[in-house]
Amino acid sequence: MDIEGRRRSDNFEDRGQGGGGRGAGIPVALVGALVQRLGLRGSLVVAAIVGVGYFVLPASLRQALFGAVTGQAASGSPGSAGGSACQASPENGKACDFSRAVLASTEDVWSGEFQGGRLPRYGGRNPGAYQQPTLVVFAGGVSTSGCGNASSDAGPFYCPGDRKLYIDPSFYEVMESRLKAPGDFAQAYVIAHEVGHHVQNLIGSTQVAVRGESKNQNSVRVELQADCLAGVWGHTARASLKITDEDLREAVNAAHAIGDDALGQRNADDYTHGTSAQRMRWFHTGFDGGDARRCDTFAVEKYSQL
């Protein structure tokens, strides 16, 4: 993968070094999922539900999802600015520049896809032109205007309330060291997946629920569609970013590493993101075909067929 000479997105915010410490703040990735899925209003209600959900998760999965993924956080409250997250280290600076290049690529790809109407349709909804999200980088903790506060432990997430993506640049190091998912295209996959959630928010798929299925099962459909949409981006950007077969293996390895089963969740009824096999398969569906209309996980009749 080569970003040399590629455009960098201006839809970028450096919130600096917030605080909150390890495990502080609300698991805001789940907040976003609840807001999207249940249509909840009121941050206090969402925070209460998510807070309870976090503490009843099995210990192995809780550690995998929200365990210490960064170094000791700075003091202060989540979201408080203290310097620049991008300038905190040379590694962070490189990660920020890389993230802006990938985000710019997603803007180009999805602007074209929306203009061409090559999207799944839900309820006859016409999303119109693509509305670009903003990428927010932070260190330690961050405050969102739509999903409450979060520490870096929550990992990258998308907040539908403010239509922004959030990531601590040091997460890329976590991918390599703890998740065993190294490589620049693996990192790009993470951003593309969160952008996929933004696309879902625009086209309305996060408001769809399959009758007879649990909230967790519908959540899996949401996450697998985001994986597929990330694959569509990769397919379309393959030539411009010089994406190789080795890059593809990096992304597929990352999809495998963050499957519910790979993260230690043993009870399939508790899956919220899908198995490693499902995540790899749906990423491939998008990457191999490049057609977002094939990413309609809600059109799959039986959950067992995902």
C-alpha atoms as a PDB file:
ATOM      1  CA  MET A   1       0.000   0.000   0.000  1.00  0.00           C
ATOM      2  CA  ASP A   2       1.423   3.364  -1.031  1.00  0.00           C
ATOM      3  CA  ILE A   3       0.072   6.738   0.172  1.00  0.00           C
ATOM      4  CA  GLU A   4       2.973   8.768  -1.213  1.00  0.00           C
ATOM      5  CA  GLY A   5       1.639  11.838  -3.018  1.00  0.00           C
ATOM      6  CA  ARG A   6      -1.961  11.057  -2.105  1.00  0.00           C
ATOM      7  CA  ARG A   7      -4.329  13.727  -0.828  1.00  0.00           C
ATOM      8  CA  ARG A   8      -4.793  14.163   2.933  1.00  0.00           C
ATOM      9  CA  SER A   9      -8.289  14.851   4.241  1.00  0.00           C
ATOM     10  CA  ASP A  10      -9.073  18.175   5.899  1.00  0.00           C
ATOM     11  CA  ASN A  11     -11.942  16.579   7.846  1.00  0.00           C
ATOM     12  CA  PHE A  12      -9.626  16.017  10.763  1.00  0.00           C
ATOM     13  CA  GLU A  13      -9.478  17.118  14.405  1.00  0.00           C
ATOM     14  CA  ASP A  14      -6.630  16.676  16.879  1.00  0.00           C
ATOM     15  CA  ARG A  15      -8.271  16.827  20.318  1.00  0.00           C
ATOM     16  CA  GLY A  16      -4.960  16.495  22.114  1.00  0.00           C
ATOM     17  CA  GLN A  17      -4.209  14.418  25.174  1.00  0.00           C
ATOM     18  CA  GLY A  18      -7.290  13.919  27.268  1.00  0.00           C
ATOM     19  CA  GLY A  19      -7.513  11.896  30.423  1.00  0.00           C
ATOM     20  CA  GLY A  20      -9.676   9.403  32.208  1.00  0.00           C
ATOM     21  CA  GLY A  21      -7.101   6.722  32.862  1.00  0.00           C
ATOM     22  CA  ARG A  22      -7.445   3.037  32.125  1.00  0.00           C
ATOM     23  CA  GLY A  23     -10.990   1.862  31.776  1.00  0.00           C
ATOM     24  CA  ALA A  24     -12.486   5.274  32.453  1.00  0.00           C
ATOM     25  CA  GLY A  25     -15.373   6.745  30.551  1.00  0.00           C
ATOM     26  CA  ILE A  26     -18.264   5.032  28.807  1.00  0.00           C
ATOM     27  CA  PRO A  27     -17.632   2.187  26.314  1.00  0.00           C
ATOM     28  CA  VAL A  28     -18.760   4.566  23.627  1.00  0.00           C
ATOM     29  CA  ALA A  29     -18.549   2.139  20.710  1.00  0.00           C
ATOM     30  CA  LEU A  30     -21.446   0.320  22.304  1.00  0.00           C
ATOM     31  CA  VAL A  31     -23.229   3.616  22.924  1.00  0.00           C
ATOM     32  CA  GLY A  32     -23.140   4.310  19.197  1.00  0.00           C
ATOM     33  CA  ALA A  33     -24.478   0.837  18.456  1.00  0.00           C
ATOM     34  CA  LEU A  34     -27.342   1.328  20.889  1.00  0.00           C
ATOM     35  CA  VAL A  35     -28.200   4.757  19.521  1.00  0.00           C
ATOM     36  CA  GLN A  36     -28.249   3.336  15.999  1.00  0.00           C
ATOM     37  CA  ARG A  37     -30.112   0.149  16.862  1.00  0.00           C
ATOM     38  CA  LEU A  38     -32.638   1.291  19.438  1.00  0.00           C
ATOM     39  CA  GLY A  39     -33.073   4.915  18.484  1.00  0.00           C
ATOM     40  CA  LEU A  40     -32.477   5.931  22.076  1.00  0.00           C
ATOM     41  CA  ARG A  41     -32.470   9.595  23.015  1.00  0.00           C
ATOM     42  CA  GLY A  42     -30.758  11.093  26.042  1.00  0.00           C
ATOM     43  CA  SER A  43     -27.143  10.465  26.921  1.00  0.00           C
ATOM     44  CA  LEU A  44     -27.949   9.521  30.528  1.00  0.00           C
ATOM     45  CA  VAL A  45     -30.243   6.682  29.462  1.00  0.00           C
ATOM     46  CA  VAL A  46     -27.746   5.357  26.957  1.00  0.00           C
ATOM     47  CA  ALA A  47     -24.861   5.666  29.416  1.00  0.00           C
ATOM     48  CA  ALA A  48     -26.756   3.724  32.066  1.00  0.00           C
ATOM     49  CA  ILE A  49     -27.616   0.879  29.708  1.00  0.00           C
ATOM     50  CA  VAL A  50     -24.129   0.654  28.267  1.00  0.00           C
ATOM     51  CA  GLY A  51     -22.509   0.870  31.687  1.00  0.00           C
ATOM     52  CA  VAL A  52     -24.481  -2.123  32.907  1.00  0.00           C
ATOM     53  CA  GLY A  53     -23.805  -4.014  29.683  1.00  0.00           C
ATOM     54  CA  TYR A  54     -20.084  -3.498  30.063  1.00  0.00           C
ATOM     55  CA  PHE A  55     -19.876  -4.938  33.544  1.00  0.00           C
ATOM     56  CA  VAL A  56     -21.915  -8.052  32.741  1.00  0.00           C
ATOM     57  CA  LEU A  57     -19.742  -9.033  29.814  1.00  0.00           C
ATOM     58  CA  PRO A  58     -17.651 -12.182  30.324  1.00  0.00           C
ATOM     59  CA  ALA A  59     -14.265 -11.232  31.759  1.00  0.00           C
ATOM     60  CA  SER A  60     -12.336 -12.578  28.780  1.00  0.00           C
ATOM     61  CA  LEU A  61     -14.356 -10.565  26.285  1.00  0.00           C
ATOM     62  CA  ARG A  62     -14.376  -7.457  28.483  1.00  0.00           C
ATOM     63  CA  GLN A  63     -10.582  -7.583  28.661  1.00  0.00           C
ATOM     64  CA  ALA A  64     -10.305  -8.183  24.931  1.00  0.00           C
ATOM     65  CA  LEU A  65     -12.604  -5.292  24.047  1.00  0.00           C
ATOM     66  CA  PHE A  66     -11.811  -2.726  26.705  1.00  0.00           C
ATOM     67  CA  GLY A  67      -8.641  -3.873  28.427  1.00  0.00           C
ATOM     68  CA  ALA A  68      -5.636  -1.581  28.669  1.00  0.00           C
ATOM     69  CA  VAL A  69      -4.662  -0.894  25.093  1.00  0.00           C
ATOM     70  CA  THR A  70      -2.535   2.176  25.621  1.00  0.00           C
ATOM     71  CA  GLY A  71       0.050   3.393  28.033  1.00  0.00           C
ATOM     72  CA  GLN A  72      -0.849   5.235  31.218  1.00  0.00           C
ATOM     73  CA  ALA A  73      -3.286   7.961  30.275  1.00  0.00           C
ATOM     74  CA  ALA A  74      -2.756  11.580  31.145  1.00  0.00           C
ATOM     75  CA  SER A  75      -4.562  13.003  34.127  1.00  0.00           C
ATOM     76  CA  GLY A  76      -7.734  15.023  33.744  1.00  0.00           C
ATOM     77  CA  SER A  77     -11.214  14.390  32.462  1.00  0.00           C
ATOM     78  CA  PRO A  78     -11.929  12.638  29.145  1.00  0.00           C
ATOM     79  CA  GLY A  79     -11.728  15.069  26.293  1.00  0.00           C
ATOM     80  CA  SER A  80      -9.659  17.712  27.988  1.00  0.00           C
ATOM     81  CA  ALA A  81      -7.020  19.031  25.620  1.00  0.00           C
ATOM     82  CA  GLY A  82      -3.382  18.891  26.564  1.00  0.00           C
ATOM     83  CA  GLY A  83      -1.011  19.334  23.664  1.00  0.00           C
ATOM     84  CA  SER A  84      -1.362  17.450  20.415  1.00  0.00           C
ATOM     85  CA  ALA A  85      -2.134  13.753  20.094  1.00  0.00           C
ATOM     86  CA  CYS A  86      -0.354  13.689  16.745  1.00  0.00           C
ATOM     87  CA  GLN A  87       2.780  15.343  18.147  1.00  0.00           C
ATOM     88  CA  ALA A  88       2.944  13.150  21.243  1.00  0.00           C
ATOM     89  CA  SER A  89       5.433  10.862  19.490  1.00  0.00           C
ATOM     90  CA  PRO A  90       6.920  10.250  16.023  1.00  0.00           C
ATOM     91  CA  GLU A  91       4.786   7.105  15.816  1.00  0.00           C
ATOM     92  CA  ASN A  92       1.632   9.094  16.509  1.00  0.00           C
ATOM     93  CA  GLY A  93       2.604  11.669  13.922  1.00  0.00           C
ATOM     94  CA  LYS A  94       3.020   8.981  11.289  1.00  0.00           C
ATOM     95  CA  ALA A  95      -0.274   7.378  12.303  1.00  0.00           C
ATOM     96  CA  CYS A  96      -2.136  10.688  12.000  1.00  0.00           C
ATOM     97  CA  ASP A  97      -0.744  11.385   8.541  1.00  0.00           C
ATOM     98  CA  PHE A  98      -1.597   7.848   7.433  1.00  0.00           C
ATOM     99  CA  SER A  99      -5.125   8.143   8.809  1.00  0.00           C
ATOM    100  CA  ARG A 100      -5.732  11.391   6.929  1.00  0.00           C
ATOM    101  CA  ALA A 101      -4.578   9.773   3.678  1.00  0.00           C
ATOM    102  CA  VAL A 102      -6.867   6.780   4.159  1.00  0.00           C
ATOM    103  CA  LEU A 103      -9.804   9.000   5.112  1.00  0.00           C
ATOM    104  CA  ALA A 104      -9.270  11.078   1.955  1.00  0.00           C
ATOM    105  CA  SER A 105      -9.354   7.893  -0.090  1.00  0.00           C
ATOM    106  CA  THR A 106     -12.646   6.831   1.501  1.00  0.00           C
ATOM    107  CA  GLU A 107     -14.078  10.265   0.708  1.00  0.00           C
ATOM    108  CA  ASP A 108     -13.199   9.852  -2.950  1.00  0.00           C
ATOM    109  CA  VAL A 109     -14.564   6.313  -3.151  1.00  0.00           C
ATOM    110  CA  TRP A 110     -17.845   6.884  -1.347  1.00  0.00           C
ATOM    111  CA  SER A 111     -18.542  10.186  -3.090  1.00  0.00           C
ATOM    112  CA  GLY A 112     -18.413   8.249  -6.345  1.00  0.00           C
ATOM    113  CA  GLU A 113     -20.519   5.366  -5.036  1.00  0.00           C
ATOM    114  CA  PHE A 114     -23.234   7.684  -3.734  1.00  0.00           C
ATOM    115  CA  GLN A 115     -23.244   9.704  -6.933  1.00  0.00           C
ATOM    116  CA  GLY A 116     -23.627   6.530  -8.962  1.00  0.00           C
ATOM    117  CA  GLY A 117     -26.358   5.177  -6.697  1.00  0.00           C
ATOM    118  CA  ARG A 118     -24.527   1.884  -6.210  1.00  0.00           C
ATOM    119  CA  LEU A 119     -25.826   1.328  -2.694  1.00  0.00           C
ATOM    120  CA  PRO A 120     -28.241  -0.956  -0.836  1.00  0.00           C
ATOM    121  CA  ARG A 121     -31.618   0.746  -0.394  1.00  0.00           C
ATOM    122  CA  TYR A 122     -33.680   0.625   2.771  1.00  0.00           C
ATOM    123  CA  GLY A 123     -37.287   1.766   2.917  1.00  0.00           C
ATOM    124  CA  GLY A 124     -36.960   3.507  -0.435  1.00  0.00           C
ATOM    125  CA  ARG A 125     -34.569   5.954   1.168  1.00  0.00           C
ATOM    126  CA  ASN A 126     -32.431   8.072  -1.155  1.00  0.00           C
ATOM    127  CA  PRO A 127     -29.361   9.231   0.795  1.00  0.00           C
ATOM    128  CA  GLY A 128     -28.403  11.816  -1.827  1.00  0.00           C
ATOM    129  CA  ALA A 129     -24.802  13.005  -2.031  1.00  0.00           C
ATOM    130  CA  TYR A 130     -22.173  11.568   0.283  1.00  0.00           C
ATOM    131  CA  GLN A 131     -21.710  13.555   3.480  1.00  0.00           C
ATOM    132  CA  GLN A 132     -18.127  13.271   4.659  1.00  0.00           C
ATOM    133  CA  PRO A 133     -17.441  12.367   8.291  1.00  0.00           C
ATOM    134  CA  THR A 134     -14.739  13.924  10.455  1.00  0.00           C
ATOM    135  CA  LEU A 135     -11.904  11.902  11.945  1.00  0.00           C
ATOM    136  CA  VAL A 136     -11.014  12.851  15.528  1.00  0.00           C
ATOM    137  CA  VAL A 137      -7.719  11.707  17.043  1.00  0.00           C
ATOM    138  CA  PHE A 138      -7.086  11.825  20.765  1.00  0.00           C
ATOM    139  CA  ALA A 139      -4.905  10.345  23.463  1.00  0.00           C
ATOM    140  CA  GLY A 140      -6.167   9.056  26.794  1.00  0.00           C
ATOM    141  CA  GLY A 141      -9.785  10.140  26.606  1.00  0.00           C
ATOM    142  CA  VAL A 142     -12.250  12.089  24.540  1.00  0.00           C
ATOM    143  CA  SER A 143     -15.643  13.727  24.850  1.00  0.00           C
ATOM    144  CA  THR A 144     -18.163  13.386  22.033  1.00  0.00           C
ATOM    145  CA  SER A 145     -21.209  15.528  21.401  1.00  0.00           C
ATOM    146  CA  GLY A 146     -23.355  12.542  20.496  1.00  0.00           C
ATOM    147  CA  CYS A 147     -22.164   9.529  22.482  1.00  0.00           C
ATOM    148  CA  GLY A 148     -20.757  10.729  25.802  1.00  0.00           C
ATOM    149  CA  ASN A 149     -17.171  10.249  26.993  1.00  0.00           C
ATOM    150  CA  ALA A 150     -14.718   7.463  26.252  1.00  0.00           C
ATOM    151  CA  SER A 151     -11.208   6.433  27.165  1.00  0.00           C
ATOM    152  CA  SER A 152      -8.711   5.043  24.672  1.00  0.00           C
ATOM    153  CA  ASP A 153      -9.523   1.589  26.039  1.00  0.00           C
ATOM    154  CA  ALA A 154     -12.726   1.546  23.989  1.00  0.00           C
ATOM    155  CA  GLY A 155     -10.706   1.396  20.767  1.00  0.00           C
ATOM    156  CA  PRO A 156     -11.700   3.100  17.487  1.00  0.00           C
ATOM    157  CA  PHE A 157     -15.395   3.916  17.126  1.00  0.00           C
ATOM    158  CA  TYR A 158     -17.950   5.840  15.125  1.00  0.00           C
ATOM    159  CA  CYS A 159     -20.495   8.072  16.815  1.00  0.00           C
ATOM    160  CA  PRO A 160     -23.695   8.426  14.763  1.00  0.00           C
ATOM    161  CA  GLY A 161     -24.811  11.324  16.953  1.00  0.00           C
ATOM    162  CA  ASP A 162     -22.097  13.659  15.661  1.00  0.00           C
ATOM    163  CA  ARG A 163     -21.064  11.694  12.558  1.00  0.00           C
ATOM    164  CA  LYS A 164     -17.438  11.531  13.611  1.00  0.00           C
ATOM    165  CA  LEU A 165     -14.860   8.743  13.777  1.00  0.00           C
ATOM    166  CA  TYR A 166     -12.654   8.543  16.867  1.00  0.00           C
ATOM    167  CA  ILE A 167      -9.279   6.867  17.256  1.00  0.00           C
ATOM    168  CA  ASP A 168      -6.261   7.033  19.520  1.00  0.00           C
ATOM    169  CA  PRO A 169      -3.291   6.835  17.100  1.00  0.00           C
ATOM    170  CA  SER A 170      -1.523   4.426  19.457  1.00  0.00           C
ATOM    171  CA  PHE A 171      -4.162   1.812  18.617  1.00  0.00           C
ATOM    172  CA  TYR A 172      -2.141   0.877  15.562  1.00  0.00           C
ATOM    173  CA  GLU A 173       0.625  -0.290  17.868  1.00  0.00           C
ATOM    174  CA  VAL A 174      -1.941  -2.335  19.795  1.00  0.00           C
ATOM    175  CA  MET A 175      -3.017  -4.038  16.591  1.00  0.00           C
ATOM    176  CA  GLU A 176       0.516  -5.192  15.947  1.00  0.00           C
ATOM    177  CA  SER A 177       1.574  -6.099  19.482  1.00  0.00           C
ATOM    178  CA  ARG A 178      -1.564  -7.449  21.153  1.00  0.00           C
ATOM    179  CA  LEU A 179      -3.953  -8.377  18.353  1.00  0.00           C
ATOM    180  CA  LYS A 180      -1.145  -9.723  16.137  1.00  0.00           C
ATOM    181  CA  ALA A 181      -2.547  -7.826  13.175  1.00  0.00           C
ATOM    182  CA  PRO A 182       0.350  -5.789  11.755  1.00  0.00           C
ATOM    183  CA  GLY A 183       0.574  -3.919   8.470  1.00  0.00           C
ATOM    184  CA  ASP A 184      -0.573  -0.626   7.014  1.00  0.00           C
ATOM    185  CA  PHE A 185      -3.532  -2.100   5.162  1.00  0.00           C
ATOM    186  CA  ALA A 186      -4.711  -3.745   8.385  1.00  0.00           C
ATOM    187  CA  GLN A 187      -4.713  -0.255   9.874  1.00  0.00           C
ATOM    188  CA  ALA A 188      -6.532   1.119   6.844  1.00  0.00           C
ATOM    189  CA  TYR A 189      -9.157  -1.607   7.257  1.00  0.00           C
ATOM    190  CA  VAL A 190      -9.942  -0.279  10.750  1.00  0.00           C
ATOM    191  CA  ILE A 191     -10.625   3.227   9.429  1.00  0.00           C
ATOM    192  CA  ALA A 192     -12.568   1.887   6.442  1.00  0.00           C
ATOM    193  CA  HIS A 193     -14.731  -0.234   8.775  1.00  0.00           C
ATOM    194  CA  GLU A 194     -15.649   2.805  10.891  1.00  0.00           C
ATOM    195  CA  VAL A 195     -16.367   4.784   7.722  1.00  0.00           C
ATOM    196  CA  GLY A 196     -18.563   1.827   6.770  1.00  0.00           C
ATOM    197  CA  HIS A 197     -20.654   2.545   9.865  1.00  0.00           C
ATOM    198  CA  HIS A 198     -20.984   6.136   8.668  1.00  0.00           C
ATOM    199  CA  VAL A 199     -22.197   4.911   5.285  1.00  0.00           C
ATOM    200  CA  GLN A 200     -24.742   2.712   7.079  1.00  0.00           C
ATOM    201  CA  ASN A 201     -25.933   5.725   9.025  1.00  0.00           C
ATOM    202  CA  LEU A 202     -26.504   7.633   5.778  1.00  0.00           C
ATOM    203  CA  ILE A 203     -28.313   4.846   3.927  1.00  0.00           C
ATOM    204  CA  GLY A 204     -30.429   3.834   6.917  1.00  0.00           C
ATOM    205  CA  SER A 205     -29.395   0.212   7.353  1.00  0.00           C
ATOM    206  CA  THR A 206     -28.749   0.696  11.076  1.00  0.00           C
ATOM    207  CA  GLN A 207     -32.481   1.297  11.504  1.00  0.00           C
ATOM    208  CA  VAL A 208     -33.306  -2.127  10.067  1.00  0.00           C
ATOM    209  CA  ALA A 209     -34.026  -5.078  12.342  1.00  0.00           C
ATOM    210  CA  VAL A 210     -34.729  -8.627  11.232  1.00  0.00           C
ATOM    211  CA  ARG A 211     -37.816 -10.020  12.913  1.00  0.00           C
ATOM    212  CA  GLY A 212     -37.314 -12.955  15.208  1.00  0.00           C
ATOM    213  CA  GLU A 213     -33.642 -12.201  15.797  1.00  0.00           C
ATOM    214  CA  SER A 214     -32.033 -10.922  18.957  1.00  0.00           C
ATOM    215  CA  LYS A 215     -30.408  -7.507  19.273  1.00  0.00           C
ATOM    216  CA  ASN A 216     -27.026  -9.246  19.248  1.00  0.00           C
ATOM    217  CA  GLN A 217     -27.827 -11.046  16.013  1.00  0.00           C
ATOM    218  CA  ASN A 218     -28.924  -7.808  14.374  1.00  0.00           C
ATOM    219  CA  SER A 219     -25.732  -6.186  15.672  1.00  0.00           C
ATOM    220  CA  VAL A 220     -23.729  -8.898  13.919  1.00  0.00           C
ATOM    221  CA  ARG A 221     -25.507  -8.049  10.662  1.00  0.00           C
ATOM    222  CA  VAL A 222     -24.538  -4.380  11.147  1.00  0.00           C
ATOM    223  CA  GLU A 223     -20.878  -5.185  11.797  1.00  0.00           C
ATOM    224  CA  LEU A 224     -20.557  -7.637   8.930  1.00  0.00           C
ATOM    225  CA  GLN A 225     -22.048  -5.087   6.544  1.00  0.00           C
ATOM    226  CA  ALA A 226     -19.464  -2.545   7.727  1.00  0.00           C
ATOM    227  CA  ASP A 227     -16.739  -5.111   7.009  1.00  0.00           C
ATOM    228  CA  CYS A 228     -18.139  -5.621   3.525  1.00  0.00           C
ATOM    229  CA  LEU A 229     -18.294  -1.872   2.894  1.00  0.00           C
ATOM    230  CA  ALA A 230     -14.665  -1.612   4.003  1.00  0.00           C
ATOM    231  CA  GLY A 231     -13.909  -4.225   1.377  1.00  0.00           C
ATOM    232  CA  VAL A 232     -15.723  -2.204  -1.295  1.00  0.00           C
ATOM    233  CA  TRP A 233     -13.507   0.751  -0.472  1.00  0.00           C
ATOM    234  CA  GLY A 234     -10.395  -1.449  -0.770  1.00  0.00           C
ATOM    235  CA  HIS A 235     -11.526  -2.809  -4.138  1.00  0.00           C
ATOM    236  CA  THR A 236     -12.148   0.656  -5.561  1.00  0.00           C
ATOM    237  CA  ALA A 237      -8.971   2.181  -4.120  1.00  0.00           C
ATOM    238  CA  ARG A 238      -6.767  -0.758  -5.082  1.00  0.00           C
ATOM    239  CA  ALA A 239      -5.159   0.891  -8.084  1.00  0.00           C
ATOM    240  CA  SER A 240      -4.692   4.384  -6.614  1.00  0.00           C
ATOM    241  CA  LEU A 241      -3.150   3.099  -3.372  1.00  0.00           C
ATOM    242  CA  LYS A 242      -1.246   0.264  -5.043  1.00  0.00           C
ATOM    243  CA  ILE A 243      -2.821  -2.333  -2.788  1.00  0.00           C
ATOM    244  CA  THR A 244      -1.082  -5.692  -3.168  1.00  0.00           C
ATOM    245  CA  ASP A 245      -2.047  -9.259  -2.362  1.00  0.00           C
ATOM    246  CA  GLU A 246       0.109  -8.987   0.763  1.00  0.00           C
ATOM    247  CA  ASP A 247      -1.890  -5.935   1.820  1.00  0.00           C
ATOM    248  CA  LEU A 248      -5.073  -7.929   1.352  1.00  0.00           C
ATOM    249  CA  ARG A 249      -3.727 -10.676   3.598  1.00  0.00           C
ATOM    250  CA  GLU A 250      -3.012  -8.056   6.280  1.00  0.00           C
ATOM    251  CA  ALA A 251      -6.610  -6.830   6.234  1.00  0.00           C
ATOM    252  CA  VAL A 252      -8.047 -10.343   6.279  1.00  0.00           C
ATOM    253  CA  ASN A 253      -5.766 -11.208   9.185  1.00  0.00           C
ATOM    254  CA  ALA A 254      -7.067  -8.156  11.064  1.00  0.00           C
ATOM    255  CA  ALA A 255     -10.667  -9.188  10.378  1.00  0.00           C
ATOM    256  CA  HIS A 256      -9.827 -12.620  11.766  1.00  0.00           C
ATOM    257  CA  ALA A 257      -8.168 -11.166  14.870  1.00  0.00           C
ATOM    258  CA  ILE A 258     -11.236  -9.196  15.924  1.00  0.00           C
ATOM    259  CA  GLY A 259     -13.854 -11.906  15.437  1.00  0.00           C
ATOM    260  CA  ASP A 260     -15.904 -12.574  18.575  1.00  0.00           C
ATOM    261  CA  ASP A 261     -14.569 -16.115  18.811  1.00  0.00           C
ATOM    262  CA  ALA A 262     -10.954 -14.992  18.345  1.00  0.00           C
ATOM    263  CA  LEU A 263     -11.436 -12.466  21.156  1.00  0.00           C
ATOM    264  CA  GLY A 264     -12.408 -15.255  23.532  1.00  0.00           C
ATOM    265  CA  GLN A 265     -16.203 -15.135  23.449  1.00  0.00           C
ATOM    266  CA  ARG A 266     -17.384 -18.737  23.668  1.00  0.00           C
ATOM    267  CA  ASN A 267     -21.158 -18.295  23.734  1.00  0.00           C
ATOM    268  CA  ALA A 268     -22.422 -17.656  20.212  1.00  0.00           C
ATOM    269  CA  ASP A 269     -25.585 -16.027  21.588  1.00  0.00           C
ATOM    270  CA  ASP A 270     -23.396 -13.245  22.961  1.00  0.00           C
ATOM    271  CA  TYR A 271     -21.690 -12.460  19.650  1.00  0.00           C
ATOM    272  CA  THR A 272     -22.147  -8.848  18.547  1.00  0.00           C
ATOM    273  CA  HIS A 273     -19.609  -8.554  15.703  1.00  0.00           C
ATOM    274  CA  GLY A 274     -19.471 -12.000  14.112  1.00  0.00           C
ATOM    275  CA  THR A 275     -16.996 -14.839  13.998  1.00  0.00           C
ATOM    276  CA  SER A 276     -13.581 -14.533  12.429  1.00  0.00           C
ATOM    277  CA  ALA A 277     -14.777 -16.611   9.472  1.00  0.00           C
ATOM    278  CA  GLN A 278     -17.797 -14.359   8.938  1.00  0.00           C
ATOM    279  CA  ARG A 279     -15.782 -11.161   9.166  1.00  0.00           C
ATOM    280  CA  MET A 280     -13.209 -12.410   6.665  1.00  0.00           C
ATOM    281  CA  ARG A 281     -15.898 -13.685   4.303  1.00  0.00           C
ATOM    282  CA  TRP A 282     -17.849 -10.428   4.236  1.00  0.00           C
ATOM    283  CA  PHE A 283     -14.728  -8.326   3.814  1.00  0.00           C
ATOM    284  CA  HIS A 284     -13.848 -10.522   0.833  1.00  0.00           C
ATOM    285  CA  THR A 285     -17.385 -10.098  -0.546  1.00  0.00           C
ATOM    286  CA  GLY A 286     -16.823  -6.367  -0.737  1.00  0.00           C
ATOM    287  CA  PHE A 287     -13.202  -6.467  -1.809  1.00  0.00           C
ATOM    288  CA  ASP A 288     -13.583  -9.110  -4.514  1.00  0.00           C
ATOM    289  CA  GLY A 289     -16.748  -7.716  -6.101  1.00  0.00           C
ATOM    290  CA  GLY A 290     -16.554  -4.012  -5.315  1.00  0.00           C
ATOM    291  CA  ASP A 291     -20.349  -3.734  -5.279  1.00  0.00           C
ATOM    292  CA  ALA A 292     -21.877  -2.254  -2.119  1.00  0.00           C
ATOM    293  CA  ARG A 293     -25.248  -3.671  -3.085  1.00  0.00           C
ATOM    294  CA  ARG A 294     -23.855  -7.132  -2.359  1.00  0.00           C
ATOM    295  CA  CYS A 295     -23.170  -5.994   1.211  1.00  0.00           C
ATOM    296  CA  ASP A 296     -26.830  -6.201   2.207  1.00  0.00           C
ATOM    297  CA  THR A 297     -26.432  -8.530   5.175  1.00  0.00           C
ATOM    298  CA  PHE A 298     -30.053  -7.806   6.124  1.00  0.00           C
ATOM    299  CA  ALA A 299     -31.210  -9.494   2.924  1.00  0.00           C
ATOM    300  CA  VAL A 300     -29.715 -12.814   4.054  1.00  0.00           C
ATOM    301  CA  GLU A 301     -32.807 -14.755   5.065  1.00  0.00           C
ATOM    302  CA  LYS A 302     -31.358 -16.882   7.842  1.00  0.00           C
ATOM    303  CA  TYR A 303     -28.873 -15.736  10.450  1.00  0.00           C
ATOM    304  CA  SER A 304     -27.050 -19.053  10.122  1.00  0.00           C
ATOM    305  CA  GLN A 305     -26.316 -18.245   6.476  1.00  0.00           C
ATOM    306  CA  LEU A 306     -24.359 -15.065   7.182  1.00  0.00           C
END
